[in-house]
Protein backbone atom coordinates (compact mmCIF):
# COMPACT_ATOMS: atom_id res chain seq x y z
CA UNK A 1 26.18 11.66 -22.28
CA UNK A 2 22.54 10.22 -22.83
CA UNK A 3 19.18 11.96 -22.78
CA UNK A 4 16.86 11.77 -19.69
CA UNK A 5 13.32 11.14 -20.98
CA UNK A 6 11.03 12.48 -18.41
CA UNK A 7 7.92 13.29 -20.27
CA UNK A 8 7.00 9.48 -20.82
CA UNK A 9 6.09 6.85 -18.27
CA UNK A 10 6.85 3.17 -19.69
CA UNK A 11 5.24 0.20 -18.07
CA UNK A 12 6.74 -3.30 -17.39
CA UNK A 13 6.14 -5.91 -14.74
CA UNK A 14 9.62 -7.52 -16.02
CA UNK A 15 11.80 -6.23 -13.00
CA UNK A 16 14.68 -8.69 -11.59
CA UNK A 17 17.80 -8.24 -9.98
CA UNK A 18 18.13 -4.49 -10.79
CA UNK A 19 17.35 -4.87 -14.57
CA UNK A 20 14.05 -3.91 -16.27
CA UNK A 21 13.08 -5.61 -19.44
CA UNK A 22 10.48 -3.77 -21.81
CA UNK A 23 7.70 -5.91 -23.88
CA UNK A 24 7.67 -5.58 -27.60
CA UNK A 25 5.08 -3.00 -27.74
CA UNK A 26 6.87 -0.56 -25.30
CA UNK A 27 10.37 -1.32 -27.04
CA UNK A 28 8.72 -0.35 -30.27
CA UNK A 29 7.80 3.00 -28.85
CA UNK A 30 11.29 3.52 -27.33
CA UNK A 31 13.22 2.57 -30.29
CA UNK A 32 10.94 3.94 -33.38
CA UNK A 33 9.08 6.77 -31.83
CA UNK A 34 11.20 8.26 -29.35
CA UNK A 35 14.37 6.96 -30.83
CA UNK A 36 16.02 6.04 -27.57
CA UNK A 37 19.81 4.76 -27.50
CA UNK A 38 21.95 3.27 -25.08
CA UNK A 39 22.95 5.45 -22.30
CA UNK A 40 19.44 7.27 -22.22
CA UNK A 41 17.76 7.51 -19.10
CA UNK A 42 14.01 6.51 -19.15
CA UNK A 43 11.43 5.99 -16.31
CA UNK A 44 9.23 2.74 -15.74
CA UNK A 45 6.40 1.85 -13.54
CA UNK A 46 5.18 -1.83 -12.69
CA UNK A 47 1.91 -0.64 -11.43
CA UNK A 48 2.44 -1.57 -7.95
CA UNK A 49 3.40 1.74 -6.98
CA UNK A 50 7.19 2.39 -8.00
CA UNK A 51 8.77 4.51 -10.47
CA UNK A 52 12.12 3.25 -11.52
CA UNK A 53 14.65 5.43 -13.08
CA UNK A 54 16.57 3.41 -15.68
CA UNK A 55 19.69 3.75 -17.81
CA UNK A 56 19.23 1.89 -21.15
CA UNK A 57 21.93 -0.52 -21.60
CA UNK A 58 20.82 -2.59 -24.83
CA UNK A 59 18.06 -1.44 -27.28
CA UNK A 60 17.16 -3.05 -30.53
CA UNK A 61 13.70 -3.44 -32.56
CA UNK A 62 12.19 -5.57 -30.24
CA UNK A 63 14.22 -5.64 -27.19
CA UNK A 64 15.30 -2.88 -24.70
CA UNK A 65 17.11 -3.65 -21.42
CA UNK A 66 17.73 -1.00 -18.61
CA UNK A 67 19.51 -1.10 -15.33
CA UNK A 68 17.52 0.55 -12.41
CA UNK A 69 19.65 3.77 -11.17
CA UNK A 70 17.13 4.67 -8.58
CA UNK A 71 13.39 4.30 -7.39
CA UNK A 72 10.63 6.21 -5.75
CA UNK A 73 7.59 4.89 -4.06
CA UNK A 74 4.25 6.73 -4.49
CA UNK A 75 1.74 6.82 -1.56
CA UNK A 76 -1.04 4.60 -1.79
CA UNK A 77 -4.23 6.73 -2.86
CA UNK A 78 -6.31 7.68 0.08
CA UNK A 79 -9.06 7.36 0.50
CA UNK A 80 -9.22 3.73 -0.81
CA UNK A 81 -12.04 3.82 -3.78
CA UNK A 82 -13.44 0.48 -5.06
CA UNK A 83 -16.08 1.21 -7.82
CA UNK A 84 -18.72 -0.92 -8.95
CA UNK A 85 -19.89 0.17 -12.41
CA UNK A 86 -23.20 -1.05 -14.04
CA UNK A 87 -22.15 -2.32 -17.44
CA UNK A 88 -22.56 -0.62 -20.48
CA UNK A 89 -21.77 -1.18 -23.83
CA UNK A 90 -17.91 -1.83 -24.13
CA UNK A 91 -16.89 1.34 -25.62
CA UNK A 92 -18.39 3.54 -22.61
CA UNK A 93 -17.44 1.03 -20.07
CA UNK A 94 -13.63 1.47 -21.31
CA UNK A 95 -13.87 5.14 -21.05
CA UNK A 96 -15.41 4.68 -17.61
CA UNK A 97 -12.16 2.67 -16.47
CA UNK A 98 -9.66 4.93 -18.16
CA UNK A 99 -11.16 8.05 -16.43
CA UNK A 100 -10.86 6.32 -13.01
CA UNK A 101 -7.33 5.24 -13.23
CA UNK A 102 -5.99 8.85 -13.22
CA UNK A 103 -7.96 9.57 -10.01
CA UNK A 104 -6.46 6.79 -7.72
CA UNK A 105 -9.45 4.09 -7.95
CA UNK A 106 -7.67 1.00 -6.64
CA UNK A 107 -10.23 -1.70 -7.26
CA UNK A 108 -13.22 -1.76 -10.43
CA UNK A 109 -15.80 -4.28 -10.35
CA UNK A 110 -17.93 -4.54 -13.48
CA UNK A 111 -21.92 -4.97 -12.16
CA UNK A 112 -24.53 -7.06 -13.96
CA UNK A 113 -27.57 -5.52 -13.22
CA UNK A 114 -31.09 -5.89 -14.21
CA UNK A 115 -31.10 -2.99 -16.93
CA UNK A 116 -28.14 -4.08 -18.45
CA UNK A 117 -28.61 -4.57 -22.19
CA UNK A 118 -26.24 -6.76 -24.82
CA UNK A 119 -24.48 -8.96 -22.38
CA UNK A 120 -21.26 -8.98 -24.42
CA UNK A 121 -19.11 -9.77 -21.17
CA UNK A 122 -20.80 -13.16 -20.66
CA UNK A 123 -18.52 -14.69 -23.71
CA UNK A 124 -14.61 -14.14 -23.76
CA UNK A 125 -14.47 -12.15 -20.45
CA UNK A 126 -10.71 -12.68 -20.45
CA UNK A 127 -10.04 -11.27 -23.98
CA UNK A 128 -12.14 -8.05 -23.00
CA UNK A 129 -10.47 -7.96 -19.72
CA UNK A 130 -6.86 -7.84 -21.44
CA UNK A 131 -8.06 -5.19 -23.74
CA UNK A 132 -9.40 -3.34 -20.39
CA UNK A 133 -5.98 -3.79 -18.80
CA UNK A 134 -3.91 -2.41 -21.47
CA UNK A 135 -6.31 0.62 -21.49
CA UNK A 136 -5.63 1.16 -18.22
CA UNK A 137 -2.02 0.85 -18.45
CA UNK A 138 -2.22 3.88 -21.02
CA UNK A 139 -4.06 5.72 -18.70
CA UNK A 140 -1.70 5.08 -15.80
CA UNK A 141 1.33 5.85 -17.95
CA UNK A 142 -0.54 9.16 -19.22
CA UNK A 143 -1.36 10.36 -15.90
CA UNK A 144 2.14 9.11 -14.18
CA UNK A 145 0.01 6.95 -11.91
CA UNK A 146 2.33 4.27 -10.29
CA UNK A 147 -0.88 2.26 -8.93
CA UNK A 148 -2.68 0.11 -11.66
CA UNK A 149 -6.14 -0.71 -10.20
CA UNK A 150 -7.34 -4.20 -10.19
CA UNK A 151 -10.12 -5.21 -12.50
CA UNK A 152 -12.59 -7.85 -11.10
CA UNK A 153 -14.76 -10.07 -13.01
CA UNK A 154 -18.36 -9.02 -13.46
CA UNK A 155 -20.42 -9.80 -10.33
CA UNK A 156 -24.09 -9.67 -9.43
CA UNK A 157 -25.23 -7.13 -6.92
CA UNK A 158 -25.72 -9.37 -4.16
CA UNK A 159 -22.12 -10.53 -4.71
CA UNK A 160 -21.21 -6.67 -4.90
CA UNK A 161 -22.51 -6.19 -1.79
CA UNK A 162 -20.52 -8.89 -0.14
CA UNK A 163 -17.29 -7.31 -1.38
CA UNK A 164 -18.50 -3.52 -0.48
CA UNK A 165 -16.23 -2.24 2.23
CA UNK A 166 -16.30 1.20 4.49
CA UNK A 167 -18.89 3.80 3.54
CA UNK A 168 -20.80 2.93 0.58
CA UNK A 169 -22.00 5.71 -1.91
CA UNK A 170 -24.45 5.34 -5.13
CA UNK A 171 -25.04 7.64 -7.40
CA UNK A 172 -28.75 8.65 -7.23
CA UNK A 173 -30.64 11.65 -8.80
CA UNK A 174 -32.74 11.68 -6.02
CA UNK A 175 -29.96 11.45 -3.14
CA UNK A 176 -28.72 14.28 -0.87
CA UNK A 177 -26.00 16.67 -2.15
CA UNK A 178 -22.56 15.80 -2.75
CA UNK A 179 -21.11 18.28 -0.14
CA UNK A 180 -23.31 16.54 2.48
CA UNK A 181 -22.38 13.22 1.45
CA UNK A 182 -18.52 13.72 1.43
CA UNK A 183 -18.84 15.61 4.91
CA UNK A 184 -19.01 11.91 6.30
CA UNK A 185 -15.71 10.99 4.46
CA UNK A 186 -12.27 10.87 6.04
CA UNK A 187 -8.98 10.24 4.32
CA UNK A 188 -8.51 6.91 6.41
CA UNK A 189 -12.05 5.52 5.11
CA UNK A 190 -12.44 3.15 2.41
CA UNK A 191 -15.46 4.18 0.17
CA UNK A 192 -17.13 1.72 -2.19
CA UNK A 193 -19.22 3.68 -4.90
CA UNK A 194 -21.97 2.16 -7.01
CA UNK A 195 -22.72 3.65 -10.53
CA UNK A 196 -25.86 2.15 -12.29
CA UNK A 197 -25.81 1.20 -15.85
CA UNK A 198 -27.47 3.44 -18.65
CA UNK A 199 -30.99 2.76 -17.35
CA UNK A 200 -30.25 3.20 -13.94
CA UNK A 201 -30.44 0.77 -10.98
CA UNK A 202 -34.15 -1.07 -10.59
CA UNK A 203 -36.22 -0.15 -7.74
CA UNK A 204 -35.33 -3.64 -6.10
CA UNK A 205 -31.92 -3.26 -6.68
CA UNK A 206 -31.87 0.55 -5.04
CA UNK A 207 -33.76 -1.17 -2.04
CA UNK A 208 -31.18 -3.72 -1.78
CA UNK A 209 -28.48 -0.98 -1.69
CA UNK A 210 -30.28 1.15 1.02
CA UNK A 211 -30.86 -1.84 3.23
CA UNK A 212 -26.83 -2.18 2.96
CA UNK A 213 -26.66 1.44 4.40
CA UNK A 214 -25.72 3.02 1.22
CA UNK A 215 -25.77 6.88 1.06
CA UNK A 216 -27.73 8.17 -2.24
CA UNK A 217 -25.44 10.98 -4.03
CA UNK A 218 -27.01 13.34 -6.10
CA UNK A 219 -24.06 14.29 -8.47
CA UNK A 220 -25.90 16.73 -11.04
CA UNK A 221 -29.33 18.40 -11.70
CA UNK A 222 -29.22 16.56 -15.07
CA UNK A 223 -28.84 12.83 -15.89
CA UNK A 224 -25.22 11.76 -16.44
CA UNK A 225 -24.02 9.04 -18.54
CA UNK A 226 -22.47 5.92 -16.47
CA UNK A 227 -18.79 6.84 -17.32
CA UNK A 228 -19.46 10.47 -16.59
CA UNK A 229 -20.92 9.57 -13.35
CA UNK A 230 -18.10 7.58 -12.21
CA UNK A 231 -15.57 10.11 -13.16
CA UNK A 232 -17.38 12.99 -11.66
CA UNK A 233 -18.02 10.98 -8.16
CA UNK A 234 -14.21 9.76 -8.07
CA UNK A 235 -12.97 13.45 -8.81
CA UNK A 236 -14.98 14.78 -6.22
CA UNK A 237 -13.78 12.60 -3.41
CA UNK A 238 -10.20 13.22 -4.44
CA UNK A 239 -10.74 16.90 -4.72
CA UNK A 240 -11.93 17.03 -1.17
CA UNK A 241 -8.60 15.84 0.09
CA UNK A 242 -6.24 17.99 -2.22
CA UNK A 243 -4.11 20.37 -0.20
């Protein structure tokens, strides 16, 4: 009788006619690290809300084929959150998006601001985006979140404001307290959250956000790094609706 591996979530978008195939990297972990064998039961998500329970039918060094035994669908995260994050250096931006995945954020848009520094994203964005996607997949697997966020291309603030829906929140040390801001939020809302780059939003950018009826939110008495501010805001939004 095969084992059931319920402490690890695999990822694959190769799902067809009741069969799921793992890619080379996922197969390597299954074969060489977990030492899985034919007949073992594993769990796989495709990032669109489903977690499949699967029985391995064939596993080799570079190939793992499983048959779907059943599946369950995770509810869509609610409220729906779209985060616009002022671009930092690559590593802090990576940390920001990895922190948002387990909290149920569904859309992440990098934001080009006046105070952004080295513009590493201008060239080879697709290459960077693939690395970020891999990091988001890792965060989704670790947290057993079956919803993988959409990562958009970097945009400027005027474009971001045209994309923003629902309530608009901006992390700002001069804003109102978090409790007062979250009192306006219901489970059915869509919320667009703006986090500035390390030097913050410029005065002109803040004026543009205010004209868009954005609510300024004070997250702390101290100045927070971009990646920490994003996680704190998303975490508090989710905490409000945890039973």
